[in-house]
N, C-alpha and C. Protein backbone atom coordinates (compact mmCIF):
# COMPACT_ATOMS: atom_id res chain seq x y z
N MET A 1 -18.78 -22.75 -2.24
CA MET A 1 -17.60 -22.98 -3.07
C MET A 1 -16.40 -22.37 -2.36
N LEU A 2 -15.44 -23.21 -2.08
CA LEU A 2 -14.18 -22.74 -1.50
C LEU A 2 -13.25 -22.36 -2.64
N ILE A 3 -12.74 -21.14 -2.59
CA ILE A 3 -11.79 -20.68 -3.59
C ILE A 3 -10.50 -20.35 -2.86
N SER A 4 -9.41 -20.98 -3.29
CA SER A 4 -8.13 -20.82 -2.61
C SER A 4 -7.04 -20.47 -3.61
N THR A 5 -6.13 -19.60 -3.19
CA THR A 5 -4.97 -19.31 -4.02
C THR A 5 -3.87 -20.34 -3.79
N MET A 6 -4.06 -21.22 -2.80
CA MET A 6 -3.08 -22.26 -2.52
C MET A 6 -3.30 -23.45 -3.46
N ASN A 7 -2.32 -24.35 -3.50
CA ASN A 7 -2.43 -25.55 -4.34
C ASN A 7 -3.12 -26.70 -3.63
N ASP A 8 -3.38 -26.54 -2.36
CA ASP A 8 -4.10 -27.55 -1.59
C ASP A 8 -4.81 -26.82 -0.45
N VAL A 9 -5.64 -27.57 0.29
CA VAL A 9 -6.36 -27.00 1.42
C VAL A 9 -6.00 -27.83 2.65
N PRO A 10 -5.30 -27.25 3.60
CA PRO A 10 -4.92 -28.01 4.80
C PRO A 10 -6.14 -28.65 5.46
N GLY A 11 -6.01 -29.92 5.80
CA GLY A 11 -7.10 -30.64 6.43
C GLY A 11 -8.09 -31.26 5.48
N HIS A 12 -7.89 -31.05 4.19
CA HIS A 12 -8.78 -31.62 3.16
C HIS A 12 -7.95 -32.39 2.16
N GLN A 13 -8.60 -33.32 1.50
CA GLN A 13 -7.94 -34.11 0.47
C GLN A 13 -8.64 -33.89 -0.86
N VAL A 14 -7.86 -33.67 -1.90
CA VAL A 14 -8.43 -33.57 -3.25
C VAL A 14 -8.79 -34.98 -3.69
N THR A 15 -10.07 -35.18 -3.97
CA THR A 15 -10.53 -36.51 -4.38
C THR A 15 -10.69 -36.63 -5.90
N GLU A 16 -10.83 -35.48 -6.57
CA GLU A 16 -10.98 -35.50 -8.02
C GLU A 16 -10.60 -34.14 -8.59
N VAL A 17 -9.80 -34.16 -9.65
CA VAL A 17 -9.45 -32.94 -10.38
C VAL A 17 -10.35 -32.89 -11.60
N LEU A 18 -11.10 -31.80 -11.74
CA LEU A 18 -12.08 -31.68 -12.82
C LEU A 18 -11.57 -30.85 -14.00
N GLY A 19 -10.59 -30.00 -13.77
CA GLY A 19 -10.00 -29.24 -14.87
C GLY A 19 -9.97 -27.74 -14.62
N GLU A 20 -9.46 -27.04 -15.61
CA GLU A 20 -9.33 -25.58 -15.52
C GLU A 20 -10.69 -24.91 -15.60
N VAL A 21 -10.81 -23.82 -14.87
CA VAL A 21 -12.02 -22.99 -14.95
C VAL A 21 -11.59 -21.53 -15.09
N PHE A 22 -12.43 -20.78 -15.76
CA PHE A 22 -12.16 -19.37 -16.02
C PHE A 22 -13.39 -18.54 -15.74
N GLY A 23 -13.18 -17.31 -15.35
CA GLY A 23 -14.23 -16.32 -15.25
C GLY A 23 -13.71 -15.05 -15.89
N LEU A 24 -14.36 -14.58 -16.92
CA LEU A 24 -13.88 -13.42 -17.68
C LEU A 24 -14.88 -12.27 -17.63
N THR A 25 -14.34 -11.08 -17.64
CA THR A 25 -15.14 -9.89 -17.86
C THR A 25 -14.29 -8.88 -18.59
N VAL A 26 -14.90 -8.10 -19.44
CA VAL A 26 -14.21 -7.03 -20.16
C VAL A 26 -14.93 -5.74 -19.81
N ARG A 27 -14.17 -4.77 -19.36
CA ARG A 27 -14.74 -3.49 -18.94
C ARG A 27 -14.15 -2.36 -19.75
N ALA A 28 -15.04 -1.50 -20.24
CA ALA A 28 -14.60 -0.29 -20.93
C ALA A 28 -14.52 0.84 -19.91
N ARG A 29 -13.53 1.65 -20.05
CA ARG A 29 -13.38 2.82 -19.18
C ARG A 29 -14.11 3.99 -19.82
N ASN A 30 -14.88 4.71 -19.01
CA ASN A 30 -15.59 5.86 -19.58
C ASN A 30 -14.65 7.06 -19.70
N ILE A 31 -15.04 8.00 -20.51
CA ILE A 31 -14.18 9.15 -20.80
C ILE A 31 -13.95 9.98 -19.55
N GLY A 32 -14.93 10.06 -18.66
CA GLY A 32 -14.77 10.80 -17.41
C GLY A 32 -13.67 10.19 -16.56
N ALA A 33 -13.65 8.87 -16.48
CA ALA A 33 -12.61 8.19 -15.70
C ALA A 33 -11.24 8.42 -16.32
N GLN A 34 -11.18 8.44 -17.64
CA GLN A 34 -9.90 8.67 -18.31
C GLN A 34 -9.38 10.08 -18.03
N ILE A 35 -10.28 11.08 -18.07
CA ILE A 35 -9.88 12.46 -17.80
C ILE A 35 -9.43 12.58 -16.35
N GLY A 36 -10.22 11.98 -15.44
CA GLY A 36 -9.85 12.01 -14.02
C GLY A 36 -8.52 11.33 -13.77
N ALA A 37 -8.27 10.23 -14.45
CA ALA A 37 -7.00 9.51 -14.30
C ALA A 37 -5.85 10.36 -14.81
N GLY A 38 -6.07 11.09 -15.89
CA GLY A 38 -5.03 11.96 -16.42
C GLY A 38 -4.68 13.06 -15.45
N LEU A 39 -5.69 13.66 -14.82
CA LEU A 39 -5.44 14.70 -13.83
C LEU A 39 -4.74 14.14 -12.60
N LYS A 40 -5.19 12.98 -12.14
CA LYS A 40 -4.56 12.36 -10.97
C LYS A 40 -3.11 11.99 -11.24
N SER A 41 -2.81 11.62 -12.48
CA SER A 41 -1.43 11.26 -12.78
C SER A 41 -0.52 12.48 -12.67
N ILE A 42 -1.08 13.66 -12.86
CA ILE A 42 -0.31 14.89 -12.72
C ILE A 42 -0.24 15.30 -11.24
N LEU A 43 -1.39 15.25 -10.56
CA LEU A 43 -1.48 15.72 -9.18
C LEU A 43 -1.14 14.67 -8.14
N GLY A 44 -1.28 13.40 -8.52
CA GLY A 44 -1.04 12.30 -7.59
C GLY A 44 -2.30 11.93 -6.84
N GLY A 45 -2.34 10.73 -6.30
CA GLY A 45 -3.49 10.27 -5.53
C GLY A 45 -4.13 9.04 -6.12
N GLU A 46 -5.01 8.47 -5.33
CA GLU A 46 -5.71 7.25 -5.75
C GLU A 46 -6.77 7.57 -6.79
N LEU A 47 -6.91 6.69 -7.75
CA LEU A 47 -7.97 6.79 -8.76
C LEU A 47 -9.16 5.99 -8.26
N LYS A 48 -9.96 6.61 -7.37
CA LYS A 48 -11.01 5.88 -6.67
C LYS A 48 -12.05 5.28 -7.60
N GLY A 49 -12.42 5.99 -8.65
CA GLY A 49 -13.39 5.45 -9.60
C GLY A 49 -12.87 4.21 -10.30
N MET A 50 -11.61 4.25 -10.69
CA MET A 50 -11.02 3.10 -11.37
C MET A 50 -10.79 1.95 -10.40
N THR A 51 -10.44 2.28 -9.15
CA THR A 51 -10.28 1.23 -8.13
C THR A 51 -11.60 0.52 -7.91
N LYS A 52 -12.68 1.29 -7.78
CA LYS A 52 -14.02 0.70 -7.59
C LYS A 52 -14.39 -0.19 -8.77
N GLN A 53 -14.09 0.26 -9.97
CA GLN A 53 -14.40 -0.52 -11.17
C GLN A 53 -13.60 -1.82 -11.19
N LEU A 54 -12.33 -1.78 -10.80
CA LEU A 54 -11.52 -2.99 -10.79
C LEU A 54 -12.01 -3.98 -9.75
N VAL A 55 -12.39 -3.49 -8.58
CA VAL A 55 -12.93 -4.37 -7.53
C VAL A 55 -14.19 -5.07 -8.05
N GLN A 56 -15.09 -4.31 -8.67
CA GLN A 56 -16.33 -4.90 -9.21
C GLN A 56 -16.02 -5.91 -10.31
N SER A 57 -15.05 -5.60 -11.15
CA SER A 57 -14.67 -6.51 -12.23
C SER A 57 -14.12 -7.81 -11.68
N ARG A 58 -13.30 -7.74 -10.64
CA ARG A 58 -12.76 -8.96 -10.03
C ARG A 58 -13.87 -9.78 -9.40
N GLN A 59 -14.82 -9.12 -8.75
CA GLN A 59 -15.95 -9.85 -8.16
C GLN A 59 -16.77 -10.54 -9.25
N ASP A 60 -16.99 -9.87 -10.36
CA ASP A 60 -17.72 -10.48 -11.48
C ASP A 60 -16.96 -11.68 -12.04
N ALA A 61 -15.65 -11.55 -12.18
CA ALA A 61 -14.84 -12.65 -12.70
C ALA A 61 -14.88 -13.86 -11.76
N ILE A 62 -14.81 -13.61 -10.46
CA ILE A 62 -14.89 -14.72 -9.49
C ILE A 62 -16.26 -15.38 -9.54
N ALA A 63 -17.32 -14.58 -9.68
CA ALA A 63 -18.67 -15.15 -9.77
C ALA A 63 -18.79 -16.06 -10.98
N ARG A 64 -18.23 -15.66 -12.11
CA ARG A 64 -18.29 -16.49 -13.32
C ARG A 64 -17.42 -17.73 -13.19
N LEU A 65 -16.27 -17.60 -12.55
CA LEU A 65 -15.41 -18.75 -12.28
C LEU A 65 -16.16 -19.76 -11.41
N THR A 66 -16.84 -19.27 -10.38
CA THR A 66 -17.61 -20.12 -9.48
C THR A 66 -18.72 -20.85 -10.22
N GLU A 67 -19.44 -20.14 -11.08
CA GLU A 67 -20.51 -20.76 -11.88
C GLU A 67 -19.97 -21.90 -12.73
N GLU A 68 -18.84 -21.68 -13.37
CA GLU A 68 -18.26 -22.70 -14.23
C GLU A 68 -17.82 -23.92 -13.41
N ALA A 69 -17.21 -23.66 -12.25
CA ALA A 69 -16.77 -24.77 -11.39
C ALA A 69 -17.96 -25.57 -10.88
N GLU A 70 -19.01 -24.89 -10.46
CA GLU A 70 -20.22 -25.58 -9.98
C GLU A 70 -20.84 -26.42 -11.08
N ALA A 71 -20.85 -25.90 -12.31
CA ALA A 71 -21.41 -26.65 -13.44
C ALA A 71 -20.63 -27.94 -13.70
N MET A 72 -19.35 -27.96 -13.33
CA MET A 72 -18.52 -29.16 -13.50
C MET A 72 -18.68 -30.12 -12.31
N GLY A 73 -19.35 -29.68 -11.25
CA GLY A 73 -19.52 -30.53 -10.08
C GLY A 73 -18.47 -30.31 -9.00
N ALA A 74 -17.70 -29.24 -9.11
CA ALA A 74 -16.64 -28.97 -8.14
C ALA A 74 -17.21 -28.37 -6.86
N ASN A 75 -16.48 -28.55 -5.77
CA ASN A 75 -16.81 -27.85 -4.53
C ASN A 75 -15.66 -26.97 -4.07
N CYS A 76 -14.63 -26.85 -4.94
CA CYS A 76 -13.46 -26.05 -4.59
C CYS A 76 -12.72 -25.65 -5.88
N VAL A 77 -12.10 -24.47 -5.85
CA VAL A 77 -11.19 -24.06 -6.91
C VAL A 77 -9.85 -23.78 -6.25
N LEU A 78 -8.82 -24.45 -6.75
CA LEU A 78 -7.47 -24.29 -6.21
C LEU A 78 -6.61 -23.45 -7.15
N ALA A 79 -5.57 -22.87 -6.60
CA ALA A 79 -4.58 -22.08 -7.36
C ALA A 79 -5.24 -20.97 -8.16
N MET A 80 -6.26 -20.32 -7.56
CA MET A 80 -6.95 -19.23 -8.24
C MET A 80 -6.02 -18.03 -8.39
N ARG A 81 -6.04 -17.45 -9.57
CA ARG A 81 -5.23 -16.28 -9.89
C ARG A 81 -6.06 -15.31 -10.72
N PHE A 82 -5.58 -14.08 -10.80
CA PHE A 82 -6.16 -13.07 -11.69
C PHE A 82 -5.15 -12.73 -12.76
N ASP A 83 -5.65 -12.42 -13.94
CA ASP A 83 -4.84 -11.87 -15.01
C ASP A 83 -5.60 -10.67 -15.56
N VAL A 84 -4.92 -9.57 -15.76
CA VAL A 84 -5.55 -8.36 -16.29
C VAL A 84 -4.77 -7.93 -17.52
N SER A 85 -5.50 -7.66 -18.60
CA SER A 85 -4.87 -7.23 -19.84
C SER A 85 -5.62 -6.04 -20.41
N ASP A 86 -4.87 -5.08 -20.95
CA ASP A 86 -5.49 -3.98 -21.69
C ASP A 86 -5.78 -4.47 -23.09
N LEU A 87 -6.95 -4.11 -23.59
CA LEU A 87 -7.34 -4.51 -24.94
C LEU A 87 -7.19 -3.33 -25.88
N GLY A 88 -6.53 -3.54 -26.95
CA GLY A 88 -6.33 -2.49 -27.93
C GLY A 88 -5.23 -1.54 -27.51
N GLY A 89 -4.79 -0.74 -28.45
CA GLY A 89 -3.71 0.18 -28.19
C GLY A 89 -4.09 1.37 -27.35
N ASN A 90 -5.37 1.68 -27.28
CA ASN A 90 -5.78 2.89 -26.55
C ASN A 90 -6.07 2.63 -25.08
N THR A 91 -5.96 1.40 -24.61
CA THR A 91 -6.19 0.99 -23.21
C THR A 91 -7.52 1.50 -22.67
N MET A 92 -8.53 1.59 -23.54
CA MET A 92 -9.85 2.03 -23.09
C MET A 92 -10.67 0.88 -22.53
N ALA A 93 -10.17 -0.34 -22.62
CA ALA A 93 -10.88 -1.49 -22.08
C ALA A 93 -9.88 -2.46 -21.48
N SER A 94 -10.34 -3.18 -20.46
CA SER A 94 -9.49 -4.17 -19.80
C SER A 94 -10.23 -5.49 -19.71
N GLU A 95 -9.48 -6.57 -19.88
CA GLU A 95 -10.00 -7.92 -19.66
C GLU A 95 -9.48 -8.37 -18.30
N ILE A 96 -10.41 -8.83 -17.46
CA ILE A 96 -10.04 -9.37 -16.16
C ILE A 96 -10.43 -10.84 -16.18
N CYS A 97 -9.47 -11.70 -15.91
CA CYS A 97 -9.69 -13.14 -15.93
C CYS A 97 -9.32 -13.74 -14.58
N ALA A 98 -10.25 -14.44 -13.97
CA ALA A 98 -9.96 -15.25 -12.79
C ALA A 98 -9.86 -16.69 -13.29
N TYR A 99 -8.82 -17.41 -12.87
CA TYR A 99 -8.67 -18.78 -13.33
C TYR A 99 -8.09 -19.65 -12.22
N GLY A 100 -8.35 -20.93 -12.33
CA GLY A 100 -7.85 -21.88 -11.36
C GLY A 100 -8.22 -23.29 -11.78
N THR A 101 -8.08 -24.22 -10.84
CA THR A 101 -8.37 -25.63 -11.09
C THR A 101 -9.56 -26.06 -10.27
N ALA A 102 -10.60 -26.54 -10.95
CA ALA A 102 -11.81 -27.04 -10.27
C ALA A 102 -11.52 -28.44 -9.74
N VAL A 103 -11.83 -28.65 -8.47
CA VAL A 103 -11.60 -29.96 -7.84
C VAL A 103 -12.76 -30.30 -6.91
N LYS A 104 -12.78 -31.56 -6.52
CA LYS A 104 -13.63 -32.00 -5.44
C LYS A 104 -12.72 -32.31 -4.26
N ILE A 105 -13.08 -31.80 -3.08
CA ILE A 105 -12.31 -32.08 -1.88
C ILE A 105 -13.21 -32.73 -0.84
N SER A 106 -12.60 -33.44 0.08
CA SER A 106 -13.35 -34.05 1.17
C SER A 106 -12.76 -33.59 2.48
């Protein structure tokens, strides 16, 4: 499965547009990560635990996007983007969404 953030793929032609596809995951932050993030916000520095969690969440979202596109018969997803939203007022959980357009290319 070719996944591109571009609207087309140089050297290929879109032969069929199959529709929008999404890959979602919702991750809760553990209390340890929240405490560590609070300390880092005072002292400065990268929040390595939260960075690792976000990378894993994006990989999970892309895997789900790919599954949905394959189920539609696509061999490519164009204009792939990520959207991240905090859920609830306490920001203890985040929704990560990968989305794009499932197509067939030749």
